[in-house]
Structure formats: C-alpha cells, structure tokens
PDB file of all heavy atoms in Angstrom:
ATOM      1  N   GLU A   1     -62.660  60.676   4.079  1.00  0.00           N
ATOM      2  CA  GLU A   1     -62.451  60.964   5.495  1.00  0.00           C
ATOM      3  C   GLU A   1     -60.991  61.282   5.821  1.00  0.00           C
ATOM      4  O   GLU A   1     -60.530  61.064   6.940  1.00  0.00           O
ATOM      5  CB  GLU A   1     -62.951  59.782   6.325  1.00  0.00           C
ATOM      6  CG  GLU A   1     -64.452  59.565   6.187  1.00  0.00           C
ATOM      7  CD  GLU A   1     -64.913  58.225   6.731  1.00  0.00           C
ATOM      8  OE1 GLU A   1     -64.075  57.505   7.320  1.00  0.00           O
ATOM      9  OE2 GLU A   1     -66.095  57.886   6.547  1.00  0.00           O
ATOM     10  N   ASN A   2     -60.274  61.812   4.824  1.00  0.00           N
ATOM     11  CA  ASN A   2     -58.884  62.226   5.007  1.00  0.00           C
ATOM     12  C   ASN A   2     -58.000  61.068   5.466  1.00  0.00           C
ATOM     13  O   ASN A   2     -57.107  61.223   6.299  1.00  0.00           O
ATOM     14  CB  ASN A   2     -58.811  63.385   6.016  1.00  0.00           C
ATOM     15  CG  ASN A   2     -57.539  64.193   5.879  1.00  0.00           C
ATOM     16  OD1 ASN A   2     -56.914  64.232   4.811  1.00  0.00           O
ATOM     17  ND2 ASN A   2     -57.120  64.840   6.953  1.00  0.00           N
ATOM     18  N   GLY A   3     -58.268  59.915   4.879  1.00  0.00           N
ATOM     19  CA  GLY A   3     -57.563  58.710   5.282  1.00  0.00           C
ATOM     20  C   GLY A   3     -56.067  58.744   5.056  1.00  0.00           C
ATOM     21  O   GLY A   3     -55.302  58.139   5.822  1.00  0.00           O
ATOM     22  N   LEU A   4     -55.627  59.433   4.009  1.00  0.00           N
ATOM     23  CA  LEU A   4     -54.186  59.487   3.729  1.00  0.00           C
ATOM     24  C   LEU A   4     -53.425  60.132   4.881  1.00  0.00           C
ATOM     25  O   LEU A   4     -52.381  59.633   5.317  1.00  0.00           O
ATOM     26  CB  LEU A   4     -53.925  60.251   2.432  1.00  0.00           C
ATOM     27  CG  LEU A   4     -54.241  59.512   1.130  1.00  0.00           C
ATOM     28  CD1 LEU A   4     -54.093  60.445  -0.063  1.00  0.00           C
ATOM     29  CD2 LEU A   4     -53.342  58.288   0.965  1.00  0.00           C
ATOM     30  N   GLU A   5     -53.947  61.257   5.395  1.00  0.00           N
ATOM     31  CA  GLU A   5     -53.279  61.928   6.503  1.00  0.00           C
ATOM     32  C   GLU A   5     -53.330  61.093   7.776  1.00  0.00           C
ATOM     33  O   GLU A   5     -52.348  61.023   8.529  1.00  0.00           O
ATOM     34  CB  GLU A   5     -53.906  63.306   6.743  1.00  0.00           C
ATOM     35  CG  GLU A   5     -53.503  64.359   5.725  1.00  0.00           C
ATOM     36  CD  GLU A   5     -51.991  64.554   5.651  1.00  0.00           C
ATOM     37  OE1 GLU A   5     -51.350  64.668   6.722  1.00  0.00           O
ATOM     38  OE2 GLU A   5     -51.450  64.565   4.528  1.00  0.00           O
ATOM     39  N   LYS A   6     -54.458  60.464   8.011  1.00  0.00           N
ATOM     40  CA  LYS A   6     -54.598  59.629   9.207  1.00  0.00           C
ATOM     41  C   LYS A   6     -53.640  58.446   9.148  1.00  0.00           C
ATOM     42  O   LYS A   6     -53.013  58.086  10.150  1.00  0.00           O
ATOM     43  CB  LYS A   6     -56.035  59.152   9.346  1.00  0.00           C
ATOM     44  CG  LYS A   6     -57.032  60.276   9.654  1.00  0.00           C
ATOM     45  CD  LYS A   6     -58.457  59.751   9.699  1.00  0.00           C
ATOM     46  CE  LYS A   6     -59.450  60.878   9.963  1.00  0.00           C
ATOM     47  NZ  LYS A   6     -60.864  60.398   9.936  1.00  0.00           N
ATOM     48  N   LEU A   7     -53.522  57.850   7.966  1.00  0.00           N
ATOM     49  CA  LEU A   7     -52.611  56.715   7.815  1.00  0.00           C
ATOM     50  C   LEU A   7     -51.168  57.162   7.991  1.00  0.00           C
ATOM     51  O   LEU A   7     -50.375  56.474   8.657  1.00  0.00           O
ATOM     52  CB  LEU A   7     -52.817  56.072   6.439  1.00  0.00           C
ATOM     53  CG  LEU A   7     -51.887  54.906   6.076  1.00  0.00           C
ATOM     54  CD1 LEU A   7     -51.993  53.782   7.094  1.00  0.00           C
ATOM     55  CD2 LEU A   7     -52.210  54.391   4.678  1.00  0.00           C
ATOM     56  N   LYS A   8     -50.839  58.297   7.418  1.00  0.00           N
ATOM     57  CA  LYS A   8     -49.472  58.817   7.547  1.00  0.00           C
ATOM     58  C   LYS A   8     -49.102  59.021   9.007  1.00  0.00           C
ATOM     59  O   LYS A   8     -48.010  58.632   9.459  1.00  0.00           O
ATOM     60  CB  LYS A   8     -49.341  60.127   6.781  1.00  0.00           C
ATOM     61  CG  LYS A   8     -47.947  60.727   6.802  1.00  0.00           C
ATOM     62  CD  LYS A   8     -47.896  62.008   5.980  1.00  0.00           C
ATOM     63  CE  LYS A   8     -46.504  62.622   6.011  1.00  0.00           C
ATOM     64  NZ  LYS A   8     -46.459  63.891   5.235  1.00  0.00           N
ATOM     65  N   LYS A   9     -50.003  59.609   9.773  1.00  0.00           N
ATOM     66  CA  LYS A   9     -49.739  59.849  11.198  1.00  0.00           C
ATOM     67  C   LYS A   9     -49.607  58.540  11.956  1.00  0.00           C
ATOM     68  O   LYS A   9     -48.755  58.396  12.845  1.00  0.00           O
ATOM     69  CB  LYS A   9     -50.846  60.710  11.793  1.00  0.00           C
ATOM     70  CG  LYS A   9     -50.819  62.157  11.317  1.00  0.00           C
ATOM     71  CD  LYS A   9     -51.947  62.967  11.911  1.00  0.00           C
ATOM     72  CE  LYS A   9     -51.914  64.413  11.404  1.00  0.00           C
ATOM     73  NZ  LYS A   9     -53.046  65.207  11.952  1.00  0.00           N
ATOM     74  N   ALA A  10     -50.449  57.571  11.604  1.00  0.00           N
ATOM     75  CA  ALA A  10     -50.381  56.272  12.272  1.00  0.00           C
ATOM     76  C   ALA A  10     -49.047  55.585  11.992  1.00  0.00           C
ATOM     77  O   ALA A  10     -48.447  54.973  12.880  1.00  0.00           O
ATOM     78  CB  ALA A  10     -51.541  55.392  11.822  1.00  0.00           C
ATOM     79  N   LEU A  11     -48.564  55.701  10.757  1.00  0.00           N
ATOM     80  CA  LEU A  11     -47.290  55.080  10.402  1.00  0.00           C
ATOM     81  C   LEU A  11     -46.125  55.763  11.095  1.00  0.00           C
ATOM     82  O   LEU A  11     -45.124  55.130  11.434  1.00  0.00           O
ATOM     83  CB  LEU A  11     -47.099  55.111   8.886  1.00  0.00           C
ATOM     84  CG  LEU A  11     -48.041  54.215   8.067  1.00  0.00           C
ATOM     85  CD1 LEU A  11     -47.863  54.472   6.585  1.00  0.00           C
ATOM     86  CD2 LEU A  11     -47.820  52.753   8.383  1.00  0.00           C
ATOM     87  N   GLU A  12     -46.255  57.077  11.299  1.00  0.00           N
ATOM     88  CA  GLU A  12     -45.186  57.822  11.964  1.00  0.00           C
ATOM     89  C   GLU A  12     -45.031  57.413  13.420  1.00  0.00           C
ATOM     90  O   GLU A  12     -43.975  57.603  14.026  1.00  0.00           O
ATOM     91  CB  GLU A  12     -45.453  59.324  11.865  1.00  0.00           C
ATOM     92  CG  GLU A  12     -45.223  59.880  10.470  1.00  0.00           C
ATOM     93  CD  GLU A  12     -45.663  61.329  10.317  1.00  0.00           C
ATOM     94  OE1 GLU A  12     -46.320  61.843  11.255  1.00  0.00           O
ATOM     95  OE2 GLU A  12     -45.367  61.936   9.275  1.00  0.00           O
ATOM     96  N   SER A  13     -46.093  56.867  14.009  1.00  0.00           N
ATOM     97  CA  SER A  13     -46.015  56.415  15.395  1.00  0.00           C
ATOM     98  C   SER A  13     -45.359  55.034  15.505  1.00  0.00           C
ATOM     99  O   SER A  13     -45.250  54.479  16.600  1.00  0.00           O
ATOM    100  CB  SER A  13     -47.405  56.380  16.024  1.00  0.00           C
ATOM    101  OG  SER A  13     -48.201  55.382  15.406  1.00  0.00           O
ATOM    102  N   ASN A  14     -44.955  54.494  14.342  1.00  0.00           N
ATOM    103  CA  ASN A  14     -44.206  53.234  14.263  1.00  0.00           C
ATOM    104  C   ASN A  14     -44.918  52.053  14.925  1.00  0.00           C
ATOM    105  O   ASN A  14     -44.376  51.396  15.816  1.00  0.00           O
ATOM    106  CB  ASN A  14     -42.815  53.395  14.891  1.00  0.00           C
ATOM    107  CG  ASN A  14     -41.955  54.363  14.124  1.00  0.00           C
ATOM    108  OD1 ASN A  14     -41.903  54.314  12.905  1.00  0.00           O
ATOM    109  ND2 ASN A  14     -41.279  55.268  14.836  1.00  0.00           N
ATOM    110  N   PRO A  15     -46.144  51.786  14.504  1.00  0.00           N
ATOM    111  CA  PRO A  15     -46.803  50.589  15.050  1.00  0.00           C
ATOM    112  C   PRO A  15     -46.118  49.334  14.529  1.00  0.00           C
ATOM    113  O   PRO A  15     -45.426  49.362  13.511  1.00  0.00           O
ATOM    114  CB  PRO A  15     -48.224  50.701  14.491  1.00  0.00           C
ATOM    115  CG  PRO A  15     -48.064  51.458  13.211  1.00  0.00           C
ATOM    116  CD  PRO A  15     -46.947  52.433  13.450  1.00  0.00           C
ATOM    117  N   SER A  16     -46.312  48.248  15.233  1.00  0.00           N
ATOM    118  CA  SER A  16     -45.773  46.980  14.775  1.00  0.00           C
ATOM    119  C   SER A  16     -46.701  46.424  13.704  1.00  0.00           C
ATOM    120  O   SER A  16     -47.860  46.097  13.984  1.00  0.00           O
ATOM    121  CB  SER A  16     -45.668  45.998  15.947  1.00  0.00           C
ATOM    122  OG  SER A  16     -45.196  44.751  15.512  1.00  0.00           O
ATOM    123  N   LEU A  17     -46.205  46.343  12.488  1.00  0.00           N
ATOM    124  CA  LEU A  17     -47.029  45.920  11.363  1.00  0.00           C
ATOM    125  C   LEU A  17     -46.521  44.598  10.791  1.00  0.00           C
ATOM    126  O   LEU A  17     -45.305  44.389  10.692  1.00  0.00           O
ATOM    127  CB  LEU A  17     -47.014  46.982  10.261  1.00  0.00           C
ATOM    128  CG  LEU A  17     -47.587  48.352  10.597  1.00  0.00           C
ATOM    129  CD1 LEU A  17     -47.330  49.326   9.452  1.00  0.00           C
ATOM    130  CD2 LEU A  17     -49.081  48.253  10.888  1.00  0.00           C
ATOM    131  N   PRO A  18     -47.418  43.714  10.358  1.00  0.00           N
ATOM    132  CA  PRO A  18     -46.982  42.476   9.713  1.00  0.00           C
ATOM    133  C   PRO A  18     -46.403  42.771   8.328  1.00  0.00           C
ATOM    134  O   PRO A  18     -46.938  43.592   7.586  1.00  0.00           O
ATOM    135  CB  PRO A  18     -48.271  41.661   9.599  1.00  0.00           C
ATOM    136  CG  PRO A  18     -49.293  42.358  10.440  1.00  0.00           C
ATOM    137  CD  PRO A  18     -48.876  43.790  10.517  1.00  0.00           C
ATOM    138  N   GLU A  19     -45.336  42.085   7.997  1.00  0.00           N
ATOM    139  CA  GLU A  19     -44.766  42.200   6.659  1.00  0.00           C
ATOM    140  C   GLU A  19     -45.513  41.274   5.708  1.00  0.00           C
ATOM    141  O   GLU A  19     -45.955  40.191   6.089  1.00  0.00           O
ATOM    142  CB  GLU A  19     -43.281  41.858   6.672  1.00  0.00           C
ATOM    143  CG  GLU A  19     -42.581  42.127   5.355  1.00  0.00           C
ATOM    144  CD  GLU A  19     -41.077  41.944   5.415  1.00  0.00           C
ATOM    145  OE1 GLU A  19     -40.541  41.767   6.533  1.00  0.00           O
ATOM    146  OE2 GLU A  19     -40.435  41.965   4.339  1.00  0.00           O
ATOM    147  N   VAL A  20     -45.671  41.723   4.472  1.00  0.00           N
ATOM    148  CA  VAL A  20     -46.352  40.953   3.441  1.00  0.00           C
ATOM    149  C   VAL A  20     -45.305  40.379   2.487  1.00  0.00           C
ATOM    150  O   VAL A  20     -44.484  41.134   1.944  1.00  0.00           O
ATOM    151  CB  VAL A  20     -47.361  41.832   2.657  1.00  0.00           C
ATOM    152  CG1 VAL A  20     -48.063  41.014   1.577  1.00  0.00           C
ATOM    153  CG2 VAL A  20     -48.377  42.454   3.611  1.00  0.00           C
ATOM    154  N   ALA A  21     -45.337  39.098   2.276  1.00  0.00           N
ATOM    155  CA  ALA A  21     -44.333  38.453   1.423  1.00  0.00           C
ATOM    156  C   ALA A  21     -44.451  38.916  -0.022  1.00  0.00           C
ATOM    157  O   ALA A  21     -45.542  39.238  -0.509  1.00  0.00           O
ATOM    158  CB  ALA A  21     -44.502  36.938   1.487  1.00  0.00           C
ATOM    159  N   ASP A  22     -43.311  38.950  -0.698  1.00  0.00           N
ATOM    160  CA  ASP A  22     -43.282  39.359  -2.110  1.00  0.00           C
ATOM    161  C   ASP A  22     -44.083  38.417  -2.995  1.00  0.00           C
ATOM    162  O   ASP A  22     -44.455  38.790  -4.113  1.00  0.00           O
ATOM    163  CB  ASP A  22     -41.833  39.395  -2.618  1.00  0.00           C
ATOM    164  CG  ASP A  22     -41.033  40.511  -1.985  1.00  0.00           C
ATOM    165  OD1 ASP A  22     -41.653  41.434  -1.412  1.00  0.00           O
ATOM    166  OD2 ASP A  22     -39.790  40.457  -2.052  1.00  0.00           O
ATOM    167  N   THR A  23     -44.332  37.219  -2.534  1.00  0.00           N
ATOM    168  CA  THR A  23     -45.046  36.219  -3.334  1.00  0.00           C
ATOM    169  C   THR A  23     -46.567  36.401  -3.296  1.00  0.00           C
ATOM    170  O   THR A  23     -47.278  35.771  -4.077  1.00  0.00           O
ATOM    171  CB  THR A  23     -44.700  34.809  -2.834  1.00  0.00           C
ATOM    172  OG1 THR A  23     -44.974  34.735  -1.429  1.00  0.00           O
ATOM    173  CG2 THR A  23     -43.232  34.486  -3.087  1.00  0.00           C
ATOM    174  N   VAL A  24     -47.051  37.258  -2.404  1.00  0.00           N
ATOM    175  CA  VAL A  24     -48.495  37.466  -2.274  1.00  0.00           C
ATOM    176  C   VAL A  24     -48.993  38.345  -3.423  1.00  0.00           C
ATOM    177  O   VAL A  24     -48.381  39.359  -3.764  1.00  0.00           O
ATOM    178  CB  VAL A  24     -48.835  38.126  -0.919  1.00  0.00           C
ATOM    179  CG1 VAL A  24     -50.323  38.445  -0.824  1.00  0.00           C
ATOM    180  CG2 VAL A  24     -48.415  37.214   0.233  1.00  0.00           C
ATOM    181  N   ARG A  25     -50.104  37.941  -4.016  1.00  0.00           N
ATOM    182  CA  ARG A  25     -50.697  38.679  -5.133  1.00  0.00           C
ATOM    183  C   ARG A  25     -51.014  40.128  -4.750  1.00  0.00           C
ATOM    184  O   ARG A  25     -51.483  40.406  -3.649  1.00  0.00           O
ATOM    185  CB  ARG A  25     -51.981  37.981  -5.585  1.00  0.00           C
ATOM    186  CG  ARG A  25     -52.811  38.781  -6.588  1.00  0.00           C
ATOM    187  CD  ARG A  25     -54.173  38.148  -6.837  1.00  0.00           C
ATOM    188  NE  ARG A  25     -54.995  39.001  -7.698  1.00  0.00           N
ATOM    189  CZ  ARG A  25     -55.797  39.960  -7.245  1.00  0.00           C
ATOM    190  NH1 ARG A  25     -55.886  40.183  -5.930  1.00  0.00           N
ATOM    191  NH2 ARG A  25     -56.505  40.688  -8.076  1.00  0.00           N
ATOM    192  N   LEU A  26     -50.783  41.039  -5.693  1.00  0.00           N
ATOM    193  CA  LEU A  26     -51.223  42.420  -5.553  1.00  0.00           C
ATOM    194  C   LEU A  26     -52.535  42.611  -6.309  1.00  0.00           C
ATOM    195  O   LEU A  26     -52.673  42.162  -7.452  1.00  0.00           O
ATOM    196  CB  LEU A  26     -50.182  43.386  -6.105  1.00  0.00           C
ATOM    197  CG  LEU A  26     -48.888  43.542  -5.309  1.00  0.00           C
ATOM    198  CD1 LEU A  26     -47.940  44.493  -6.036  1.00  0.00           C
ATOM    199  CD2 LEU A  26     -49.157  44.033  -3.900  1.00  0.00           C
ATOM    200  N   GLY A  27     -53.481  43.282  -5.682  1.00  0.00           N
ATOM    201  CA  GLY A  27     -54.699  43.682  -6.366  1.00  0.00           C
ATOM    202  C   GLY A  27     -54.589  45.112  -6.842  1.00  0.00           C
ATOM    203  O   GLY A  27     -53.529  45.745  -6.749  1.00  0.00           O
ATOM    204  N   SER A  28     -55.672  45.644  -7.365  1.00  0.00           N
ATOM    205  CA  SER A  28     -55.716  47.068  -7.672  1.00  0.00           C
ATOM    206  C   SER A  28     -55.405  47.844  -6.399  1.00  0.00           C
ATOM    207  O   SER A  28     -55.892  47.499  -5.321  1.00  0.00           O
ATOM    208  CB  SER A  28     -57.107  47.457  -8.185  1.00  0.00           C
ATOM    209  OG  SER A  28     -57.305  48.850  -8.093  1.00  0.00           O
ATOM    210  N   PRO A  29     -54.603  48.923  -6.471  1.00  0.00           N
ATOM    211  CA  PRO A  29     -54.263  49.663  -5.255  1.00  0.00           C
ATOM    212  C   PRO A  29     -55.418  50.460  -4.660  1.00  0.00           C
ATOM    213  O   PRO A  29     -55.312  50.943  -3.536  1.00  0.00           O
ATOM    214  CB  PRO A  29     -53.131  50.593  -5.715  1.00  0.00           C
ATOM    215  CG  PRO A  29     -53.307  50.713  -7.183  1.00  0.00           C
ATOM    216  CD  PRO A  29     -53.878  49.408  -7.647  1.00  0.00           C
ATOM    217  N   VAL A  30     -56.506  50.614  -5.401  1.00  0.00           N
ATOM    218  CA  VAL A  30     -57.709  51.216  -4.837  1.00  0.00           C
ATOM    219  C   VAL A  30     -58.854  50.223  -5.017  1.00  0.00           C
ATOM    220  O   VAL A  30     -58.893  49.464  -5.984  1.00  0.00           O
ATOM    221  CB  VAL A  30     -58.055  52.574  -5.501  1.00  0.00           C
ATOM    222  CG1 VAL A  30     -56.970  53.596  -5.205  1.00  0.00           C
ATOM    223  CG2 VAL A  30     -58.264  52.435  -6.995  1.00  0.00           C
ATOM    224  N   ALA A  31     -59.772  50.236  -4.045  1.00  0.00           N
ATOM    225  CA  ALA A  31     -60.942  49.368  -4.133  1.00  0.00           C
ATOM    226  C   ALA A  31     -61.829  49.834  -5.279  1.00  0.00           C
ATOM    227  O   ALA A  31     -61.664  50.946  -5.793  1.00  0.00           O
ATOM    228  CB  ALA A  31     -61.700  49.392  -2.812  1.00  0.00           C
ATOM    229  N   ARG A  32     -62.768  48.999  -5.668  1.00  0.00           N
ATOM    230  CA  ARG A  32     -63.606  49.320  -6.820  1.00  0.00           C
ATOM    231  C   ARG A  32     -64.213  50.719  -6.674  1.00  0.00           C
ATOM    232  O   ARG A  32     -64.966  50.986  -5.744  1.00  0.00           O
ATOM    233  CB  ARG A  32     -64.708  48.273  -6.975  1.00  0.00           C
ATOM    234  CG  ARG A  32     -65.521  48.484  -8.258  1.00  0.00           C
ATOM    235  CD  ARG A  32     -66.631  47.466  -8.393  1.00  0.00           C
ATOM    236  NE  ARG A  32     -66.096  46.111  -8.519  1.00  0.00           N
ATOM    237  CZ  ARG A  32     -66.861  45.018  -8.588  1.00  0.00           C
ATOM    238  NH1 ARG A  32     -68.178  45.128  -8.521  1.00  0.00           N
ATOM    239  NH2 ARG A  32     -66.315  43.832  -8.708  1.00  0.00           N
TER     240      ARG A  32
END
C-alpha cells in the first residue's frame, strides 16, 4: 500500500514521536 512514501510524508510533517531507548531489543526490521 505504498507505505514507505506514506511514512516518509508523515515524518516530514514532524509529528511528536516517542523515542525508543537503545537498550530495547531490536527484532527483524520486517515482519514475517
């Protein structure tokens, strides 16, 4: 659904986003 472009546009509007601590586990960057 063209999520990359939609996400890029949303980020450009500078929403207030929660920061994720460096200590939090990373999973696979894509879902199964």
